[in-house]
Amino acid sequence: KSVHGDYDELLKDADVMHHCLYDTSFPVNKKEKVRFNKTLQELGC
């Protein structure tokens, strides 16, 4: 929920991406949904 430096944010986003894409049949964790969607938008997905 906090915003830090570039590599800190990159690692948080990557961690969330893996959590959410490990099994796409699982619902996205509510705590990770905003970060996940923002990263998907960034990647053009």
All heavy atoms as atom14 arrays in JSON, in Angstrom:
{
  "sequence": "KSVHGDYDELLKDADVMHHCLYDTSFPVNKKEKVRFNKTLQELGC",
  "atom14_mask": [
    [1, 1, 1, 1, 1, 1, 1, 1, 1, 0, 0, 0, 0, 0],
    [1, 1, 1, 1, 1, 1, 0, 0, 0, 0, 0, 0, 0, 0],
    [1, 1, 1, 1, 1, 1, 1, 0, 0, 0, 0, 0, 0, 0],
    [1, 1, 1, 1, 1, 1, 1, 1, 1, 1, 0, 0, 0, 0],
    [1, 1, 1, 1, 0, 0, 0, 0, 0, 0, 0, 0, 0, 0],
    [1, 1, 1, 1, 1, 1, 1, 1, 0, 0, 0, 0, 0, 0],
    [1, 1, 1, 1, 1, 1, 1, 1, 1, 1, 1, 1, 0, 0],
    [1, 1, 1, 1, 1, 1, 1, 1, 0, 0, 0, 0, 0, 0],
    [1, 1, 1, 1, 1, 1, 1, 1, 1, 0, 0, 0, 0, 0],
    [1, 1, 1, 1, 1, 1, 1, 1, 0, 0, 0, 0, 0, 0],
    [1, 1, 1, 1, 1, 1, 1, 1, 0, 0, 0, 0, 0, 0],
    [1, 1, 1, 1, 1, 1, 1, 1, 1, 0, 0, 0, 0, 0],
    [1, 1, 1, 1, 1, 1, 1, 1, 0, 0, 0, 0, 0, 0],
    [1, 1, 1, 1, 1, 0, 0, 0, 0, 0, 0, 0, 0, 0],
    [1, 1, 1, 1, 1, 1, 1, 1, 0, 0, 0, 0, 0, 0],
    [1, 1, 1, 1, 1, 1, 1, 0, 0, 0, 0, 0, 0, 0],
    [1, 1, 1, 1, 1, 1, 1, 1, 0, 0, 0, 0, 0, 0],
    [1, 1, 1, 1, 1, 1, 1, 1, 1, 1, 0, 0, 0, 0],
    [1, 1, 1, 1, 1, 1, 1, 1, 1, 1, 0, 0, 0, 0],
    [1, 1, 1, 1, 1, 1, 0, 0, 0, 0, 0, 0, 0, 0],
    [1, 1, 1, 1, 1, 1, 1, 1, 0, 0, 0, 0, 0, 0],
    [1, 1, 1, 1, 1, 1, 1, 1, 1, 1, 1, 1, 0, 0],
    [1, 1, 1, 1, 1, 1, 1, 1, 0, 0, 0, 0, 0, 0],
    [1, 1, 1, 1, 1, 1, 1, 0, 0, 0, 0, 0, 0, 0],
    [1, 1, 1, 1, 1, 1, 0, 0, 0, 0, 0, 0, 0, 0],
    [1, 1, 1, 1, 1, 1, 1, 1, 1, 1, 1, 0, 0, 0],
    [1, 1, 1, 1, 1, 1, 1, 0, 0, 0, 0, 0, 0, 0],
    [1, 1, 1, 1, 1, 1, 1, 0, 0, 0, 0, 0, 0, 0],
    [1, 1, 1, 1, 1, 1, 1, 1, 0, 0, 0, 0, 0, 0],
    [1, 1, 1, 1, 1, 1, 1, 1, 1, 0, 0, 0, 0, 0],
    [1, 1, 1, 1, 1, 1, 1, 1, 1, 0, 0, 0, 0, 0],
    [1, 1, 1, 1, 1, 1, 1, 1, 1, 0, 0, 0, 0, 0],
    [1, 1, 1, 1, 1, 1, 1, 1, 1, 0, 0, 0, 0, 0],
    [1, 1, 1, 1, 1, 1, 1, 0, 0, 0, 0, 0, 0, 0],
    [1, 1, 1, 1, 1, 1, 1, 1, 1, 1, 1, 0, 0, 0],
    [1, 1, 1, 1, 1, 1, 1, 1, 1, 1, 1, 0, 0, 0],
    [1, 1, 1, 1, 1, 1, 1, 1, 0, 0, 0, 0, 0, 0],
    [1, 1, 1, 1, 1, 1, 1, 1, 1, 0, 0, 0, 0, 0],
    [1, 1, 1, 1, 1, 1, 1, 0, 0, 0, 0, 0, 0, 0],
    [1, 1, 1, 1, 1, 1, 1, 1, 0, 0, 0, 0, 0, 0],
    [1, 1, 1, 1, 1, 1, 1, 1, 1, 0, 0, 0, 0, 0],
    [1, 1, 1, 1, 1, 1, 1, 1, 1, 0, 0, 0, 0, 0],
    [1, 1, 1, 1, 1, 1, 1, 1, 0, 0, 0, 0, 0, 0],
    [1, 1, 1, 1, 0, 0, 0, 0, 0, 0, 0, 0, 0, 0],
    [1, 1, 1, 1, 1, 1, 0, 0, 0, 0, 0, 0, 0, 0]
  ],
  "atom14_positions": [
    [[0.82, -1.22, 0.0], [0.0, 0.0, 0.0], [0.85, 1.27, 0.0], [0.34, 2.35, -0.27], [-0.93, 0.01, 1.2], [-2.03, -1.03, 1.1], [-3.0, -0.92, 2.25], [-4.11, -1.95, 2.11], [-5.07, -1.87, 3.2], [0.0, 0.0, 0.0], [0.0, 0.0, 0.0], [0.0, 0.0, 0.0], [0.0, 0.0, 0.0], [0.0, 0.0, 0.0]],
    [[2.13, 1.15, 0.3], [3.03, 2.3, 0.32], [3.74, 2.42, -1.03], [3.87, 1.45, -1.76], [4.09, 2.12, 1.42], [3.47, 2.03, 2.68], [0.0, 0.0, 0.0], [0.0, 0.0, 0.0], [0.0, 0.0, 0.0], [0.0, 0.0, 0.0], [0.0, 0.0, 0.0], [0.0, 0.0, 0.0], [0.0, 0.0, 0.0], [0.0, 0.0, 0.0]],
    [[4.2, 3.63, -1.32], [4.96, 3.87, -2.55], [6.39, 4.2, -2.15], [6.63, 5.06, -1.31], [4.33, 5.02, -3.37], [5.18, 5.31, -4.6], [2.9, 4.68, -3.76], [0.0, 0.0, 0.0], [0.0, 0.0, 0.0], [0.0, 0.0, 0.0], [0.0, 0.0, 0.0], [0.0, 0.0, 0.0], [0.0, 0.0, 0.0], [0.0, 0.0, 0.0]],
    [[7.32, 3.47, -2.78], [8.74, 3.64, -2.48], [9.5, 3.89, -3.78], [8.93, 4.42, -4.73], [9.27, 2.41, -1.75], [8.64, 2.16, -0.42], [7.63, 1.26, -0.23], [8.88, 2.71, 0.79], [7.27, 1.25, 1.04], [8.01, 2.13, 1.69], [0.0, 0.0, 0.0], [0.0, 0.0, 0.0], [0.0, 0.0, 0.0], [0.0, 0.0, 0.0]],
    [[10.75, 3.5, -3.83], [11.6, 3.72, -4.99], [11.25, 2.83, -6.17], [10.41, 1.92, -6.08], [0.0, 0.0, 0.0], [0.0, 0.0, 0.0], [0.0, 0.0, 0.0], [0.0, 0.0, 0.0], [0.0, 0.0, 0.0], [0.0, 0.0, 0.0], [0.0, 0.0, 0.0], [0.0, 0.0, 0.0], [0.0, 0.0, 0.0], [0.0, 0.0, 0.0]],
    [[11.92, 3.09, -7.29], [11.61, 2.4, -8.55], [11.72, 0.87, -8.44], [10.83, 0.15, -8.89], [12.54, 2.89, -9.66], [12.25, 4.32, -10.08], [11.14, 4.82, -9.79], [13.15, 4.95, -10.68], [0.0, 0.0, 0.0], [0.0, 0.0, 0.0], [0.0, 0.0, 0.0], [0.0, 0.0, 0.0], [0.0, 0.0, 0.0], [0.0, 0.0, 0.0]],
    [[12.82, 0.38, -7.88], [13.0, -1.07, -7.78], [12.07, -1.68, -6.73], [11.62, -2.82, -6.9], [14.46, -1.43, -7.49], [15.34, -1.24, -8.7], [15.98, -0.03, -8.93], [15.52, -2.27, -9.62], [16.78, 0.16, -10.06], [16.32, -2.1, -10.74], [16.94, -0.88, -10.95], [17.74, -0.7, -12.07], [0.0, 0.0, 0.0], [0.0, 0.0, 0.0]],
    [[11.76, -0.93, -5.69], [10.82, -1.4, -4.67], [9.45, -1.62, -5.31], [8.82, -2.66, -5.1], [10.68, -0.38, -3.54], [12.01, 0.08, -2.96], [12.99, -0.68, -3.02], [12.05, 1.21, -2.45], [0.0, 0.0, 0.0], [0.0, 0.0, 0.0], [0.0, 0.0, 0.0], [0.0, 0.0, 0.0], [0.0, 0.0, 0.0], [0.0, 0.0, 0.0]],
    [[9.0, -0.64, -6.07], [7.69, -0.73, -6.72], [7.67, -1.82, -7.78], [6.69, -2.55, -7.92], [7.29, 0.62, -7.32], [7.02, 1.69, -6.28], [5.99, 1.24, -5.25], [4.84, 0.95, -5.64], [6.33, 1.17, -4.06], [0.0, 0.0, 0.0], [0.0, 0.0, 0.0], [0.0, 0.0, 0.0], [0.0, 0.0, 0.0], [0.0, 0.0, 0.0]],
    [[8.76, -1.93, -8.51], [8.87, -2.97, -9.52], [8.73, -4.36, -8.87], [7.99, -5.21, -9.38], [10.24, -2.84, -10.21], [10.57, -3.85, -11.27], [11.32, -3.17, -12.4], [11.43, -4.95, -10.69], [0.0, 0.0, 0.0], [0.0, 0.0, 0.0], [0.0, 0.0, 0.0], [0.0, 0.0, 0.0], [0.0, 0.0, 0.0], [0.0, 0.0, 0.0]],
    [[9.42, -4.58, -7.76], [9.34, -5.87, -7.07], [7.93, -6.13, -6.54], [7.4, -7.24, -6.67], [10.37, -5.95, -5.94], [10.36, -7.24, -5.12], [10.52, -8.48, -5.99], [11.46, -7.18, -4.05], [0.0, 0.0, 0.0], [0.0, 0.0, 0.0], [0.0, 0.0, 0.0], [0.0, 0.0, 0.0], [0.0, 0.0, 0.0], [0.0, 0.0, 0.0]],
    [[7.31, -5.12, -5.97], [5.92, -5.28, -5.48], [5.0, -5.66, -6.63], [4.18, -6.57, -6.51], [5.43, -3.98, -4.84], [6.11, -3.6, -3.55], [5.59, -2.25, -3.1], [6.52, -1.55, -2.17], [6.0, -0.23, -1.77], [0.0, 0.0, 0.0], [0.0, 0.0, 0.0], [0.0, 0.0, 0.0], [0.0, 0.0, 0.0], [0.0, 0.0, 0.0]],
    [[5.15, -4.96, -7.76], [4.3, -5.25, -8.92], [4.54, -6.66, -9.46], [3.59, -7.38, -9.79], [4.53, -4.22, -10.02], [4.04, -2.82, -9.66], [3.23, -2.7, -8.72], [4.47, -1.85, -10.31], [0.0, 0.0, 0.0], [0.0, 0.0, 0.0], [0.0, 0.0, 0.0], [0.0, 0.0, 0.0], [0.0, 0.0, 0.0], [0.0, 0.0, 0.0]],
    [[5.79, -7.06, -9.54], [6.12, -8.4, -10.03], [5.59, -9.48, -9.1], [5.09, -10.52, -9.55], [7.63, -8.53, -10.2], [0.0, 0.0, 0.0], [0.0, 0.0, 0.0], [0.0, 0.0, 0.0], [0.0, 0.0, 0.0], [0.0, 0.0, 0.0], [0.0, 0.0, 0.0], [0.0, 0.0, 0.0], [0.0, 0.0, 0.0], [0.0, 0.0, 0.0]],
    [[5.68, -9.25, -7.81], [5.17, -10.21, -6.82], [3.66, -10.37, -6.97], [3.14, -11.48, -7.01], [5.53, -9.7, -5.41], [5.39, -10.75, -4.32], [5.46, -11.96, -4.6], [5.24, -10.34, -3.15], [0.0, 0.0, 0.0], [0.0, 0.0, 0.0], [0.0, 0.0, 0.0], [0.0, 0.0, 0.0], [0.0, 0.0, 0.0], [0.0, 0.0, 0.0]],
    [[2.97, -9.26, -7.12], [1.53, -9.29, -7.32], [1.19, -9.97, -8.64], [0.26, -10.78, -8.71], [0.93, -7.86, -7.25], [-0.49, -7.82, -7.8], [0.96, -7.35, -5.82], [0.0, 0.0, 0.0], [0.0, 0.0, 0.0], [0.0, 0.0, 0.0], [0.0, 0.0, 0.0], [0.0, 0.0, 0.0], [0.0, 0.0, 0.0], [0.0, 0.0, 0.0]],
    [[1.93, -9.67, -9.7], [1.68, -10.31, -10.99], [1.75, -11.82, -10.86], [0.89, -12.54, -11.36], [2.68, -9.82, -12.04], [2.5, -8.39, -12.48], [0.99, -8.09, -13.39], [1.38, -8.89, -14.92], [0.0, 0.0, 0.0], [0.0, 0.0, 0.0], [0.0, 0.0, 0.0], [0.0, 0.0, 0.0], [0.0, 0.0, 0.0], [0.0, 0.0, 0.0]],
    [[2.77, -12.3, -10.16], [2.9, -13.75, -10.03], [1.79, -14.34, -9.17], [1.24, -15.39, -9.51], [4.27, -14.16, -9.5], [4.5, -15.61, -9.67], [4.27, -16.52, -8.67], [4.86, -16.33, -10.75], [4.5, -17.73, -9.13], [4.87, -17.65, -10.39], [0.0, 0.0, 0.0], [0.0, 0.0, 0.0], [0.0, 0.0, 0.0], [0.0, 0.0, 0.0]],
    [[1.46, -13.66, -8.09], [0.34, -14.14, -7.26], [-0.93, -14.28, -8.1], [-1.65, -15.27, -8.0], [0.04, -13.17, -6.11], [1.1, -13.09, -5.07], [1.17, -12.04, -4.19], [2.13, -13.91, -4.75], [2.2, -12.22, -3.38], [2.8, -13.35, -3.7], [0.0, 0.0, 0.0], [0.0, 0.0, 0.0], [0.0, 0.0, 0.0], [0.0, 0.0, 0.0]],
    [[-1.21, -13.27, -8.9], [-2.47, -13.21, -9.63], [-2.49, -14.1, -10.88], [-3.55, -14.54, -11.3], [-2.78, -11.77, -10.03], [-3.08, -10.69, -8.6], [0.0, 0.0, 0.0], [0.0, 0.0, 0.0], [0.0, 0.0, 0.0], [0.0, 0.0, 0.0], [0.0, 0.0, 0.0], [0.0, 0.0, 0.0], [0.0, 0.0, 0.0], [0.0, 0.0, 0.0]],
    [[-1.34, -14.36, -11.46], [-1.29, -15.15, -12.69], [-0.86, -16.59, -12.46], [-0.83, -17.38, -13.41], [-0.36, -14.48, -13.71], [-0.86, -13.13, -14.21], [0.17, -12.5, -15.13], [-2.2, -13.26, -14.91], [0.0, 0.0, 0.0], [0.0, 0.0, 0.0], [0.0, 0.0, 0.0], [0.0, 0.0, 0.0], [0.0, 0.0, 0.0], [0.0, 0.0, 0.0]],
    [[-0.55, -16.95, -11.23], [-0.15, -18.32, -10.93], [-1.24, -19.3, -11.37], [-0.97, -20.33, -11.96], [0.15, -18.48, -9.43], [0.47, -19.9, -9.04], [1.7, -20.45, -9.34], [-0.48, -20.68, -8.4], [1.99, -21.77, -9.01], [-0.2, -22.01, -8.07], [1.04, -22.54, -8.37], [1.32, -23.83, -8.05], [0.0, 0.0, 0.0], [0.0, 0.0, 0.0]],
    [[-2.48, -18.96, -11.06], [-3.61, -19.75, -11.53], [-4.73, -18.75, -11.82], [-5.35, -18.22, -10.9], [-4.05, -20.78, -10.49], [-5.15, -21.71, -11.0], [-5.92, -21.31, -11.9], [-5.25, -22.83, -10.48], [0.0, 0.0, 0.0], [0.0, 0.0, 0.0], [0.0, 0.0, 0.0], [0.0, 0.0, 0.0], [0.0, 0.0, 0.0], [0.0, 0.0, 0.0]],
    [[-4.97, -18.51, -13.08], [-5.93, -17.46, -13.46], [-7.37, -17.81, -13.13], [-8.24, -16.95, -13.25], [-5.81, -17.13, -14.96], [-6.0, -18.33, -15.72], [-4.44, -16.54, -15.27], [0.0, 0.0, 0.0], [0.0, 0.0, 0.0], [0.0, 0.0, 0.0], [0.0, 0.0, 0.0], [0.0, 0.0, 0.0], [0.0, 0.0, 0.0], [0.0, 0.0, 0.0]],
    [[-7.6, -19.05, -12.69], [-8.97, -19.39, -12.27], [-9.25, -18.93, -10.84], [-10.39, -18.88, -10.41], [-9.22, -20.89, -12.39], [-8.48, -21.62, -11.43], [0.0, 0.0, 0.0], [0.0, 0.0, 0.0], [0.0, 0.0, 0.0], [0.0, 0.0, 0.0], [0.0, 0.0, 0.0], [0.0, 0.0, 0.0], [0.0, 0.0, 0.0], [0.0, 0.0, 0.0]],
    [[-8.18, -18.59, -10.09], [-8.37, -18.07, -8.74], [-8.79, -16.61, -8.82], [-8.3, -15.87, -9.68], [-7.07, -18.13, -7.93], [-6.57, -19.5, -7.62], [-5.25, -19.67, -7.22], [-7.36, -20.63, -7.7], [-4.74, -20.93, -6.91], [-6.87, -21.9, -7.41], [-5.56, -22.04, -7.01], [0.0, 0.0, 0.0], [0.0, 0.0, 0.0], [0.0, 0.0, 0.0]],
    [[-9.67, -16.15, -7.94], [-10.01, -14.71, -7.95], [-8.8, -13.9, -7.48], [-8.0, -14.36, -6.67], [-11.17, -14.62, -6.95], [-11.06, -15.83, -6.09], [-10.4, -16.89, -6.91], [0.0, 0.0, 0.0], [0.0, 0.0, 0.0], [0.0, 0.0, 0.0], [0.0, 0.0, 0.0], [0.0, 0.0, 0.0], [0.0, 0.0, 0.0], [0.0, 0.0, 0.0]],
    [[-8.68, -12.7, -8.02], [-7.59, -11.8, -7.62], [-7.85, -11.34, -6.2], [-8.96, -10.93, -5.86], [-7.48, -10.6, -8.58], [-6.46, -9.59, -8.08], [-7.14, -11.08, -9.98], [0.0, 0.0, 0.0], [0.0, 0.0, 0.0], [0.0, 0.0, 0.0], [0.0, 0.0, 0.0], [0.0, 0.0, 0.0], [0.0, 0.0, 0.0], [0.0, 0.0, 0.0]],
    [[-6.82, -11.43, -5.36], [-6.91, -10.99, -3.98], [-7.31, -9.51, -3.96], [-6.73, -8.69, -4.67], [-5.53, -11.2, -3.32], [-5.51, -10.84, -1.86], [-6.02, -9.8, -1.45], [-4.91, -11.69, -1.07], [0.0, 0.0, 0.0], [0.0, 0.0, 0.0], [0.0, 0.0, 0.0], [0.0, 0.0, 0.0], [0.0, 0.0, 0.0], [0.0, 0.0, 0.0]],
    [[-8.29, -9.2, -3.14], [-8.81, -7.83, -3.06], [-7.7, -6.82, -2.76], [-7.68, -5.73, -3.33], [-9.9, -7.76, -1.98], [-10.62, -6.46, -1.91], [-11.74, -6.5, -0.88], [-12.42, -5.16, -0.76], [-13.47, -5.16, 0.25], [0.0, 0.0, 0.0], [0.0, 0.0, 0.0], [0.0, 0.0, 0.0], [0.0, 0.0, 0.0], [0.0, 0.0, 0.0]],
    [[-6.75, -7.19, -1.9], [-5.65, -6.29, -1.54], [-4.71, -6.02, -2.71], [-4.0, -5.02, -2.72], [-4.83, -6.86, -0.38], [-5.58, -7.01, 0.91], [-4.68, -7.45, 2.05], [-3.88, -8.69, 1.71], [-3.08, -9.23, 2.81], [0.0, 0.0, 0.0], [0.0, 0.0, 0.0], [0.0, 0.0, 0.0], [0.0, 0.0, 0.0], [0.0, 0.0, 0.0]],
    [[-4.71, -6.89, -3.7], [-3.77, -6.78, -4.82], [-4.41, -6.3, -6.11], [-3.72, -6.02, -7.08], [-3.07, -8.12, -5.04], [-2.22, -8.54, -3.86], [-1.47, -9.84, -4.09], [-2.0, -10.73, -4.8], [-0.37, -9.97, -3.55], [0.0, 0.0, 0.0], [0.0, 0.0, 0.0], [0.0, 0.0, 0.0], [0.0, 0.0, 0.0], [0.0, 0.0, 0.0]],
    [[-5.72, -6.19, -6.13], [-6.46, -5.93, -7.37], [-6.04, -4.62, -8.05], [-5.82, -4.59, -9.26], [-7.96, -5.94, -7.1], [-8.77, -5.94, -8.37], [-10.24, -6.21, -8.09], [-10.93, -6.39, -9.41], [-11.83, -7.5, -9.46], [0.0, 0.0, 0.0], [0.0, 0.0, 0.0], [0.0, 0.0, 0.0], [0.0, 0.0, 0.0], [0.0, 0.0, 0.0]],
    [[-5.94, -3.54, -7.3], [-5.61, -2.24, -7.9], [-4.21, -2.28, -8.5], [-4.0, -1.87, -9.65], [-5.73, -1.1, -6.86], [-5.16, 0.2, -7.39], [-7.19, -0.92, -6.46], [0.0, 0.0, 0.0], [0.0, 0.0, 0.0], [0.0, 0.0, 0.0], [0.0, 0.0, 0.0], [0.0, 0.0, 0.0], [0.0, 0.0, 0.0], [0.0, 0.0, 0.0]],
    [[-3.25, -2.8, -7.76], [-1.86, -2.87, -8.25], [-1.79, -3.8, -9.47], [-1.11, -3.49, -10.45], [-0.92, -3.34, -7.14], [0.54, -3.26, -7.5], [1.45, -3.66, -6.34], [1.59, -2.62, -5.35], [2.48, -1.64, -5.39], [3.32, -1.56, -6.4], [2.55, -0.75, -4.42], [0.0, 0.0, 0.0], [0.0, 0.0, 0.0], [0.0, 0.0, 0.0]],
    [[-2.49, -4.91, -9.42], [-2.5, -5.86, -10.53], [-3.06, -5.2, -11.8], [-2.44, -5.25, -12.87], [-3.33, -7.09, -10.15], [-3.45, -8.13, -11.22], [-2.34, -8.76, -11.75], [-4.7, -8.51, -11.69], [-2.46, -9.74, -12.73], [-4.84, -9.49, -12.67], [-3.7, -10.1, -13.2], [0.0, 0.0, 0.0], [0.0, 0.0, 0.0], [0.0, 0.0, 0.0]],
    [[-4.21, -4.55, -11.68], [-4.83, -3.91, -12.84], [-3.97, -2.78, -13.39], [-3.86, -2.6, -14.62], [-6.23, -3.42, -12.51], [-7.23, -4.56, -12.41], [-7.04, -5.61, -13.01], [-8.29, -4.36, -11.65], [0.0, 0.0, 0.0], [0.0, 0.0, 0.0], [0.0, 0.0, 0.0], [0.0, 0.0, 0.0], [0.0, 0.0, 0.0], [0.0, 0.0, 0.0]],
    [[-3.35, -2.02, -12.51], [-2.48, -0.92, -12.96], [-1.29, -1.47, -13.75], [-0.91, -0.91, -14.78], [-1.99, -0.13, -11.73], [-1.16, 1.07, -12.07], [-0.76, 1.82, -10.82], [0.19, 2.94, -11.16], [0.79, 3.55, -9.97], [0.0, 0.0, 0.0], [0.0, 0.0, 0.0], [0.0, 0.0, 0.0], [0.0, 0.0, 0.0], [0.0, 0.0, 0.0]],
    [[-0.72, -2.58, -13.3], [0.41, -3.17, -14.0], [-0.04, -3.76, -15.33], [0.66, -3.62, -16.34], [1.1, -4.23, -13.12], [1.45, -3.64, -11.86], [2.37, -4.75, -13.78], [0.0, 0.0, 0.0], [0.0, 0.0, 0.0], [0.0, 0.0, 0.0], [0.0, 0.0, 0.0], [0.0, 0.0, 0.0], [0.0, 0.0, 0.0], [0.0, 0.0, 0.0]],
    [[-1.19, -4.4, -15.36], [-1.72, -4.92, -16.63], [-1.95, -3.78, -17.63], [-1.67, -3.92, -18.82], [-3.02, -5.69, -16.41], [-2.9, -7.05, -15.74], [-4.3, -7.64, -15.52], [-2.04, -8.0, -16.54], [0.0, 0.0, 0.0], [0.0, 0.0, 0.0], [0.0, 0.0, 0.0], [0.0, 0.0, 0.0], [0.0, 0.0, 0.0], [0.0, 0.0, 0.0]],
    [[-2.45, -2.64, -17.15], [-2.65, -1.48, -18.02], [-1.3, -0.99, -18.56], [-1.18, -0.7, -19.76], [-3.34, -0.35, -17.27], [-4.8, -0.6, -17.0], [-5.43, 0.46, -16.1], [-4.77, 1.39, -15.65], [-6.71, 0.3, -15.84], [0.0, 0.0, 0.0], [0.0, 0.0, 0.0], [0.0, 0.0, 0.0], [0.0, 0.0, 0.0], [0.0, 0.0, 0.0]],
    [[-0.33, -0.91, -17.69], [1.01, -0.47, -18.09], [1.57, -1.35, -19.22], [2.21, -0.87, -20.15], [1.96, -0.5, -16.89], [3.4, -0.19, -17.22], [4.34, -0.37, -16.04], [3.88, -0.59, -14.9], [5.56, -0.3, -16.27], [0.0, 0.0, 0.0], [0.0, 0.0, 0.0], [0.0, 0.0, 0.0], [0.0, 0.0, 0.0], [0.0, 0.0, 0.0]],
    [[1.32, -2.63, -19.13], [1.82, -3.59, -20.1], [0.93, -3.69, -21.35], [1.24, -4.43, -22.28], [1.99, -4.97, -19.45], [3.04, -5.05, -18.36], [2.98, -6.39, -17.66], [4.43, -4.76, -18.9], [0.0, 0.0, 0.0], [0.0, 0.0, 0.0], [0.0, 0.0, 0.0], [0.0, 0.0, 0.0], [0.0, 0.0, 0.0], [0.0, 0.0, 0.0]],
    [[-0.18, -2.96, -21.34], [-1.08, -2.96, -22.49], [-1.96, -4.2, -22.57], [-2.51, -4.5, -23.62], [0.0, 0.0, 0.0], [0.0, 0.0, 0.0], [0.0, 0.0, 0.0], [0.0, 0.0, 0.0], [0.0, 0.0, 0.0], [0.0, 0.0, 0.0], [0.0, 0.0, 0.0], [0.0, 0.0, 0.0], [0.0, 0.0, 0.0], [0.0, 0.0, 0.0]],
    [[-2.11, -4.9, -21.46], [-2.93, -6.12, -21.43], [-4.4, -5.82, -21.27], [-5.24, -6.61, -21.68], [-2.47, -7.04, -20.3], [-0.78, -7.61, -20.51], [0.0, 0.0, 0.0], [0.0, 0.0, 0.0], [0.0, 0.0, 0.0], [0.0, 0.0, 0.0], [0.0, 0.0, 0.0], [0.0, 0.0, 0.0], [0.0, 0.0, 0.0], [0.0, 0.0, 0.0]]
  ]
}
